[in-house]
C-alpha cells in the first residue's frame, strides 16, 4: 500500500516539475489522491478474497 502511494507521489512531483506551472502542486495532489484510491481498492479486494 505504501509503495503504491509513494510511487504516485513521486510521479506527481515529477509531473509538476516537468509540466506544471511555477509553484503549482496540481499533479501532486491528483496523483496522491489517485494512489490512495488505488491502494484502498486493492486492500478491499484482497480483504474480500480472504473472507470467501
Protein backbone atom coordinates (compact mmCIF):
# COMPACT_ATOMS: atom_id res chain seq x y z
CA UNK A 1 0.00 0.00 0.00
CA UNK A 2 2.74 2.42 0.94
CA UNK A 3 4.80 1.62 -2.14
CA UNK A 4 1.89 2.41 -4.44
CA UNK A 5 1.17 5.73 -2.73
CA UNK A 6 4.87 6.65 -2.69
CA UNK A 7 5.14 5.87 -6.40
CA UNK A 8 2.18 8.07 -7.28
CA UNK A 9 3.51 10.92 -5.09
CA UNK A 10 6.85 10.76 -6.89
CA UNK A 11 5.03 10.70 -10.23
CA UNK A 12 3.05 13.80 -9.21
CA UNK A 13 6.22 15.63 -8.16
CA UNK A 14 7.86 14.77 -11.46
CA UNK A 15 4.83 15.90 -13.45
CA UNK A 16 4.73 19.19 -11.51
CA UNK A 17 8.37 19.93 -12.21
CA UNK A 18 8.09 18.91 -15.86
CA UNK A 19 4.66 20.19 -16.92
CA UNK A 20 3.28 22.25 -14.03
CA UNK A 21 3.21 25.99 -13.71
CA UNK A 22 5.63 27.57 -11.26
CA UNK A 23 4.61 26.68 -7.72
CA UNK A 24 1.72 24.52 -8.85
CA UNK A 25 1.06 21.27 -6.98
CA UNK A 26 -1.93 20.16 -9.01
CA UNK A 27 -0.36 16.98 -10.36
CA UNK A 28 1.00 16.06 -6.93
CA UNK A 29 -2.45 16.34 -5.35
CA UNK A 30 -4.21 14.47 -8.16
CA UNK A 31 -1.65 11.65 -8.28
CA UNK A 32 -1.67 11.29 -4.49
CA UNK A 33 -5.45 11.00 -4.37
CA UNK A 34 -5.39 8.50 -7.22
CA UNK A 35 -2.68 6.48 -5.48
CA UNK A 36 -4.65 6.37 -2.23
CA UNK A 37 -7.77 5.31 -4.14
CA UNK A 38 -5.94 2.51 -5.95
CA UNK A 39 -4.38 1.31 -2.69
CA UNK A 40 -7.70 1.25 -0.85
CA UNK A 41 -9.34 -0.58 -3.74
CA UNK A 42 -6.64 -3.25 -3.71
CA UNK A 43 -6.86 -3.67 0.07
CA UNK A 44 -10.64 -4.07 -0.05
CA UNK A 45 -10.34 -6.53 -2.93
CA UNK A 46 -7.80 -8.64 -1.02
CA UNK A 47 -9.86 -8.50 2.16
CA UNK A 48 -12.95 -9.73 0.34
CA UNK A 49 -10.92 -12.59 -1.12
CA UNK A 50 -9.86 -13.63 2.41
CA UNK A 51 -13.46 -13.73 3.63
CA UNK A 52 -14.59 -16.22 0.97
